[in-house]
N, C-alpha and C. Protein backbone atom coordinates (compact mmCIF):
# COMPACT_ATOMS: atom_id res chain seq x y z
N MET A 1 0.75 -1.34 -0.14
CA MET A 1 -0.16 0.16 -0.25
C MET A 1 0.71 1.27 0.40
N ASN A 2 2.19 1.14 1.05
CA ASN A 2 2.42 2.13 1.04
C ASN A 2 3.57 2.84 -0.36
N PRO A 3 3.47 3.54 -1.31
CA PRO A 3 4.43 3.58 -2.44
C PRO A 3 5.95 3.35 -1.59
N ASN A 4 6.72 3.94 -0.49
CA ASN A 4 7.56 3.98 -0.98
C ASN A 4 8.00 3.28 0.22
N ALA A 5 7.46 2.52 0.74
CA ALA A 5 7.65 0.59 1.13
C ALA A 5 8.93 0.25 0.64
N THR A 6 8.51 -0.13 -1.32
CA THR A 6 9.98 -0.79 -2.37
C THR A 6 10.60 0.80 -3.47
N SER A 7 9.87 1.10 -2.79
CA SER A 7 11.45 2.31 -3.58
C SER A 7 12.58 2.54 -2.22
N THR A 8 13.53 2.25 -2.78
CA THR A 8 15.16 2.80 -2.13
C THR A 8 15.66 4.35 -2.49
N ALA A 9 14.34 5.24 -3.12
CA ALA A 9 15.40 6.32 -3.72
C ALA A 9 14.77 7.05 -2.96
N GLN A 10 13.80 7.14 -2.29
CA GLN A 10 12.74 8.22 -0.95
C GLN A 10 13.22 7.62 0.51
N PRO A 11 12.93 7.98 0.98
CA PRO A 11 13.37 7.05 2.32
C PRO A 11 12.53 6.79 2.98
N LEU A 12 12.53 5.88 3.75
CA LEU A 12 10.54 5.34 4.52
C LEU A 12 9.93 5.99 5.56
N GLU A 13 8.42 6.39 4.94
CA GLU A 13 7.70 7.14 6.02
C GLU A 13 7.01 6.01 6.25
N ILE A 14 7.46 5.55 7.80
CA ILE A 14 6.08 4.74 8.66
C ILE A 14 4.89 5.72 8.98
N PRO A 15 3.97 5.36 8.86
CA PRO A 15 2.76 6.18 10.29
C PRO A 15 2.98 5.67 11.40
N PRO A 16 3.00 6.70 12.16
CA PRO A 16 3.35 6.72 13.85
C PRO A 16 2.51 5.07 14.17
N GLN A 17 1.45 5.22 13.91
CA GLN A 17 0.08 4.16 14.49
C GLN A 17 0.81 2.62 14.34
N ILE A 18 1.42 2.87 12.75
CA ILE A 18 2.04 2.02 12.08
C ILE A 18 3.36 1.02 12.77
N ARG A 19 4.04 2.64 12.93
CA ARG A 19 5.25 2.11 14.36
C ARG A 19 5.48 1.70 15.66
N THR A 20 4.52 1.89 15.81
CA THR A 20 3.66 1.61 17.26
C THR A 20 2.79 0.25 16.74
N PHE A 21 2.87 -0.57 16.22
CA PHE A 21 2.12 -1.82 15.97
C PHE A 21 3.55 -2.51 15.96
N LEU A 22 4.13 -2.30 15.18
CA LEU A 22 5.60 -3.04 14.90
C LEU A 22 6.56 -2.72 16.22
N GLN A 23 6.53 -2.06 16.70
CA GLN A 23 7.50 -2.28 18.20
C GLN A 23 6.93 -3.11 18.87
N SER A 24 5.19 -2.85 19.07
CA SER A 24 4.84 -3.57 19.84
C SER A 24 5.13 -4.84 19.27
N VAL A 25 5.18 -5.69 18.16
CA VAL A 25 5.53 -6.41 17.78
C VAL A 25 7.16 -7.52 18.20
N LEU A 26 7.59 -6.51 17.77
CA LEU A 26 9.19 -6.72 18.71
C LEU A 26 8.96 -6.94 19.96
N THR A 27 8.40 -6.35 20.78
CA THR A 27 8.36 -6.34 22.75
C THR A 27 7.97 -7.48 22.38
N ASP A 28 7.00 -7.85 21.62
CA ASP A 28 6.06 -9.40 22.07
C ASP A 28 7.37 -10.27 21.57
N ALA A 29 8.25 -10.26 20.92
CA ALA A 29 9.03 -11.30 20.31
C ALA A 29 10.07 -11.19 21.04
N ASN A 30 10.34 -10.29 22.56
CA ASN A 30 11.09 -10.34 23.55
C ASN A 30 12.47 -10.22 22.58
N MET A 31 12.18 -8.73 21.24
CA MET A 31 13.43 -7.90 20.63
C MET A 31 13.79 -6.94 21.71
N THR A 32 14.08 -6.69 22.97
CA THR A 32 14.03 -5.28 23.75
C THR A 32 15.47 -5.16 23.83
N THR A 33 16.40 -6.05 23.57
CA THR A 33 18.25 -5.36 23.72
C THR A 33 18.81 -4.79 22.83
N LEU A 34 17.81 -4.77 21.35
CA LEU A 34 18.67 -4.07 20.45
C LEU A 34 18.90 -2.95 20.30
N ASP A 35 20.56 -2.40 19.88
CA ASP A 35 20.46 -0.87 19.81
C ASP A 35 19.57 -0.64 19.43
N ASP A 36 19.41 1.20 18.78
CA ASP A 36 18.61 1.62 18.19
C ASP A 36 19.01 1.36 16.64
N ASP A 37 19.77 1.23 15.78
CA ASP A 37 20.26 1.17 14.39
C ASP A 37 19.49 0.17 14.57
N MET A 38 19.63 -1.40 15.01
CA MET A 38 19.30 -2.77 15.24
C MET A 38 17.87 -2.55 14.24
N LYS A 39 17.22 -2.05 15.51
CA LYS A 39 16.07 -1.76 16.01
C LYS A 39 15.14 -1.52 14.49
N GLU A 40 15.64 -0.23 14.43
CA GLU A 40 15.13 0.87 13.15
C GLU A 40 14.72 -0.42 12.07
N GLU A 41 16.50 -0.28 12.15
CA GLU A 41 16.25 -1.76 10.26
C GLU A 41 15.76 -3.03 10.54
N MET A 42 15.00 -3.18 11.68
CA MET A 42 14.28 -4.34 12.43
C MET A 42 12.95 -4.09 12.19
N ILE A 43 12.75 -2.61 12.26
CA ILE A 43 10.58 -2.14 12.11
C ILE A 43 10.94 -1.12 10.73
N LYS A 44 11.76 -0.91 10.15
CA LYS A 44 11.71 -1.00 8.85
C LYS A 44 11.45 -2.27 7.60
N GLU A 45 12.46 -3.34 8.00
CA GLU A 45 12.00 -4.40 7.55
C GLU A 45 10.49 -5.23 7.11
N LEU A 46 10.05 -5.02 8.81
CA LEU A 46 8.57 -5.39 9.36
C LEU A 46 7.91 -5.03 8.41
N PHE A 47 7.70 -3.12 8.47
CA PHE A 47 7.02 -2.16 7.72
C PHE A 47 6.66 -3.15 6.35
N ILE A 48 7.78 -3.30 5.74
CA ILE A 48 8.13 -3.60 4.17
C ILE A 48 6.96 -5.21 4.30
N SER A 49 7.72 -6.46 4.65
CA SER A 49 6.70 -6.99 5.48
C SER A 49 5.39 -6.87 5.34
N LEU A 50 5.02 -6.30 6.74
CA LEU A 50 3.30 -5.57 6.72
C LEU A 50 2.74 -4.62 5.62
N ASP A 51 3.63 -4.36 4.90
CA ASP A 51 3.12 -3.67 3.34
C ASP A 51 2.81 -4.98 2.87
N ASN A 52 3.02 -5.85 2.98
CA ASN A 52 3.24 -7.16 1.42
C ASN A 52 1.95 -7.42 1.54
N HIS A 53 2.27 -7.97 3.30
CA HIS A 53 0.91 -8.92 3.67
C HIS A 53 0.05 -7.99 3.26
N ILE A 54 -0.50 -6.31 3.32
CA ILE A 54 -1.83 -6.39 3.53
C ILE A 54 -1.99 -5.78 2.52
N THR A 55 -0.97 -5.54 1.18
CA THR A 55 -1.17 -5.79 -0.19
C THR A 55 -2.25 -6.84 -0.71
N ALA A 56 -1.21 -8.42 0.00
CA ALA A 56 -1.99 -9.34 -0.56
C ALA A 56 -2.84 -9.73 0.09
N VAL A 57 -3.09 -9.44 0.91
CA VAL A 57 -4.80 -9.34 1.68
C VAL A 57 -6.14 -8.46 1.14
N ILE A 58 -5.60 -7.04 0.88
CA ILE A 58 -6.55 -6.54 -0.06
C ILE A 58 -6.71 -7.54 -1.25
N VAL A 59 -5.56 -7.43 -1.81
CA VAL A 59 -5.59 -8.22 -3.63
C VAL A 59 -6.94 -9.53 -2.80
N ASP A 60 -6.74 -10.02 -2.15
CA ASP A 60 -7.56 -11.49 -2.13
C ASP A 60 -9.05 -11.60 -1.56
N ASN A 61 -8.57 -9.82 -1.02
CA ASN A 61 -10.17 -9.63 -0.32
C ASN A 61 -11.29 -8.89 -1.70
N LEU A 62 -10.95 -7.89 -1.72
CA LEU A 62 -11.23 -7.33 -3.38
C LEU A 62 -11.93 -7.70 -3.59
N PRO A 63 -13.12 -6.52 -4.64
CA PRO A 63 -13.98 -7.69 -5.38
C PRO A 63 -13.48 -7.42 -6.54
N LYS A 64 -13.39 -8.30 -7.41
CA LYS A 64 -12.44 -8.06 -8.92
C LYS A 64 -12.77 -7.27 -9.68
N ASP A 65 -13.81 -6.69 -9.71
CA ASP A 65 -14.08 -5.25 -10.60
C ASP A 65 -13.68 -4.16 -9.86
N HIS A 66 -12.55 -4.09 -8.49
CA HIS A 66 -12.77 -3.11 -8.27
C HIS A 66 -10.53 -2.99 -8.11
N LEU A 67 -10.27 -3.97 -8.29
CA LEU A 67 -8.50 -4.25 -7.95
C LEU A 67 -8.30 -3.74 -9.14
N GLU A 68 -8.22 -3.71 -10.57
CA GLU A 68 -7.02 -2.83 -11.50
C GLU A 68 -7.32 -1.10 -10.52
N ALA A 69 -8.42 -0.82 -10.46
CA ALA A 69 -8.63 0.98 -9.43
C ALA A 69 -7.10 0.73 -8.52
N PHE A 70 -7.70 -0.07 -7.10
CA PHE A 70 -6.54 -0.22 -6.67
C PHE A 70 -5.16 -0.11 -7.10
N ILE A 71 -4.92 -1.15 -8.49
CA ILE A 71 -3.35 -1.38 -8.38
C ILE A 71 -2.94 -0.22 -9.13
N LYS A 72 -4.12 0.91 -9.55
CA LYS A 72 -3.72 1.66 -10.64
C LYS A 72 -3.45 2.48 -9.35
N MET A 73 -3.84 2.94 -7.86
CA MET A 73 -3.65 4.22 -7.04
C MET A 73 -2.61 3.67 -7.08
N ASN A 74 -2.02 2.64 -6.48
CA ASN A 74 -0.31 2.25 -5.84
C ASN A 74 0.12 2.78 -6.70
N GLU A 75 0.23 2.50 -8.18
CA GLU A 75 1.57 3.13 -8.81
C GLU A 75 1.30 3.65 -9.30
N GLU A 76 -0.16 5.03 -8.97
CA GLU A 76 0.33 6.50 -9.26
C GLU A 76 0.79 7.44 -7.77
N LYS A 77 0.95 6.39 -6.85
CA LYS A 77 1.10 6.62 -5.51
C LYS A 77 0.14 7.80 -4.95
N LYS A 78 -1.22 7.43 -5.05
CA LYS A 78 -1.67 8.22 -4.80
C LYS A 78 -1.70 8.41 -2.93
N PRO A 79 -1.81 9.85 -2.33
CA PRO A 79 -2.21 9.95 -0.75
C PRO A 79 -2.80 8.49 -0.24
N GLN A 80 -2.08 8.23 0.44
CA GLN A 80 -2.39 7.07 2.32
C GLN A 80 -4.02 7.21 2.24
N SER A 81 -4.56 8.17 2.24
CA SER A 81 -5.98 8.77 3.09
C SER A 81 -6.73 8.93 1.64
N GLU A 82 -6.45 8.93 0.49
CA GLU A 82 -7.52 8.61 -0.60
C GLU A 82 -7.32 6.69 -1.21
N ILE A 83 -6.80 6.40 -0.89
CA ILE A 83 -6.71 4.96 -0.77
C ILE A 83 -7.31 4.36 0.42
N GLU A 84 -6.96 4.87 2.12
CA GLU A 84 -7.35 4.22 2.72
C GLU A 84 -9.47 4.49 2.65
N GLN A 85 -10.31 5.76 2.10
CA GLN A 85 -10.99 5.58 2.01
C GLN A 85 -11.41 4.65 0.49
N PHE A 86 -10.80 4.92 -0.63
CA PHE A 86 -11.46 3.68 -1.46
C PHE A 86 -11.59 2.09 -1.02
N LEU A 87 -10.59 1.83 0.07
CA LEU A 87 -10.95 0.34 0.59
C LEU A 87 -12.57 0.28 1.90
N LYS A 88 -12.27 1.60 1.94
CA LYS A 88 -13.70 1.79 2.86
C LYS A 88 -14.60 1.09 1.84
N ASP A 89 -14.90 2.55 0.78
CA ASP A 89 -15.55 2.36 0.32
C ASP A 89 -16.10 1.15 -0.86
N ASN A 90 -15.02 -0.01 -1.07
CA ASN A 90 -15.53 -1.15 -1.83
C ASN A 90 -15.06 -2.02 -1.12
N LEU A 91 -13.88 -2.72 -0.25
CA LEU A 91 -13.53 -3.31 0.47
C LEU A 91 -14.80 -4.10 1.38
N PRO A 92 -15.52 -4.85 1.31
CA PRO A 92 -16.40 -5.59 2.78
C PRO A 92 -15.84 -5.84 3.71
N ASN A 93 -16.14 -5.41 4.63
CA ASN A 93 -15.97 -5.53 6.03
C ASN A 93 -14.54 -5.21 5.77
N ALA A 94 -14.13 -4.20 5.15
CA ALA A 94 -12.98 -3.70 5.19
C ALA A 94 -12.42 -3.84 6.66
N GLN A 95 -12.84 -2.71 7.53
CA GLN A 95 -12.32 -3.02 9.26
C GLN A 95 -11.83 -4.34 10.12
N GLU A 96 -12.72 -5.14 9.78
CA GLU A 96 -12.78 -6.65 9.98
C GLU A 96 -11.87 -7.25 9.08
N VAL A 97 -11.70 -7.10 7.81
CA VAL A 97 -10.42 -7.52 6.99
C VAL A 97 -9.05 -7.01 7.68
N MET A 98 -9.54 -5.07 7.31
CA MET A 98 -7.75 -5.22 8.17
C MET A 98 -7.43 -5.44 9.00
N ALA A 99 -8.25 -6.16 10.26
CA ALA A 99 -8.11 -6.19 11.98
C ALA A 99 -7.25 -6.98 11.44
N LYS A 100 -7.84 -7.93 10.96
CA LYS A 100 -7.59 -9.22 10.94
C LYS A 100 -5.97 -9.62 10.15
N ALA A 101 -6.32 -8.24 9.83
CA ALA A 101 -4.47 -9.02 8.48
C ALA A 101 -3.75 -8.11 9.39
N PHE A 102 -3.99 -7.38 10.33
CA PHE A 102 -2.22 -6.92 11.65
C PHE A 102 -2.26 -7.91 12.10
N ALA A 103 -3.19 -8.46 12.72
CA ALA A 103 -3.48 -9.75 13.74
C ALA A 103 -2.66 -10.92 13.63
N ASP A 104 -2.79 -11.25 12.19
CA ASP A 104 -2.62 -12.46 11.10
C ASP A 104 -0.71 -12.66 11.13
N PHE A 105 -0.40 -10.92 10.77
CA PHE A 105 0.63 -10.65 10.61
C PHE A 105 2.02 -11.15 11.60
N ARG A 106 0.93 -10.75 12.82
CA ARG A 106 1.68 -10.56 13.76
C ARG A 106 2.19 -12.20 15.12
N ASN A 107 0.50 -13.05 14.28
CA ASN A 107 0.87 -14.49 15.21
C ASN A 107 1.71 -15.04 14.37
N ASN A 108 1.88 -14.35 13.07
CA ASN A 108 2.58 -14.66 12.09
C ASN A 108 4.35 -15.28 12.42
N TYR A 109 4.37 -13.45 12.43
CA TYR A 109 6.03 -13.62 13.09
C TYR A 109 6.44 -13.50 14.24
N LEU A 110 5.71 -13.44 15.73
CA LEU A 110 5.68 -14.65 16.48
C LEU A 110 5.76 -15.93 16.40
N ALA A 111 5.28 -16.56 14.87
CA ALA A 111 5.47 -17.79 15.69
C ALA A 111 6.73 -18.12 15.21
N ASP A 112 6.92 -17.51 14.20
CA ASP A 112 8.39 -17.58 13.23
C ASP A 112 9.45 -17.58 14.07
N VAL A 113 8.92 -16.54 15.17
CA VAL A 113 10.44 -15.82 16.19
C VAL A 113 10.85 -17.52 16.79
N THR A 114 9.10 -17.88 17.11
CA THR A 114 9.36 -18.37 18.28
C THR A 114 9.89 -19.45 17.49
N LYS A 115 9.77 -19.98 16.19
CA LYS A 115 10.63 -21.51 15.95
C LYS A 115 11.96 -21.31 15.43
N ALA A 116 11.84 -19.77 15.20
CA ALA A 116 13.80 -19.79 14.99
C ALA A 116 14.54 -20.04 16.37
N LYS A 117 14.57 -19.99 17.46
CA LYS A 117 15.00 -19.49 18.30
C LYS A 117 14.93 -21.01 19.22
N ASN A 118 13.72 -21.78 19.52
CA ASN A 118 13.66 -23.23 18.99
C ASN A 118 14.50 -24.14 18.29
N SER A 119 15.28 -24.09 17.77
CA SER A 119 15.78 -24.38 16.52
C SER A 119 17.27 -24.46 16.43
N ASN A 120 17.54 -23.34 17.40
CA ASN A 120 18.84 -23.27 17.37
C ASN A 120 19.91 -24.47 19.01
């Protein structure tokens, strides 16, 4: 969703509420001893992963007749507020779909961290 997420030419701008969510995911994963630079890098990587996950969920749930318009909005780097309004208007149960997408992302990340810790 965020056009900056895949561009290396522009700095990565993470909305404050998304940053708070990602910081809580790191805390839940017991990643609290990281230095500031490493923590920031992990937040950036998580943000890109979250962005990809959310986009995939939207594509899977958006009615096919609105899919092309959604893709075009992202390609044209439309403002986030415009994309959010489009989703509210065209994605059935948008709030529930997005809440589940965030919860699934958190659960999948924590499961991956647990698996990685247990394999060492």
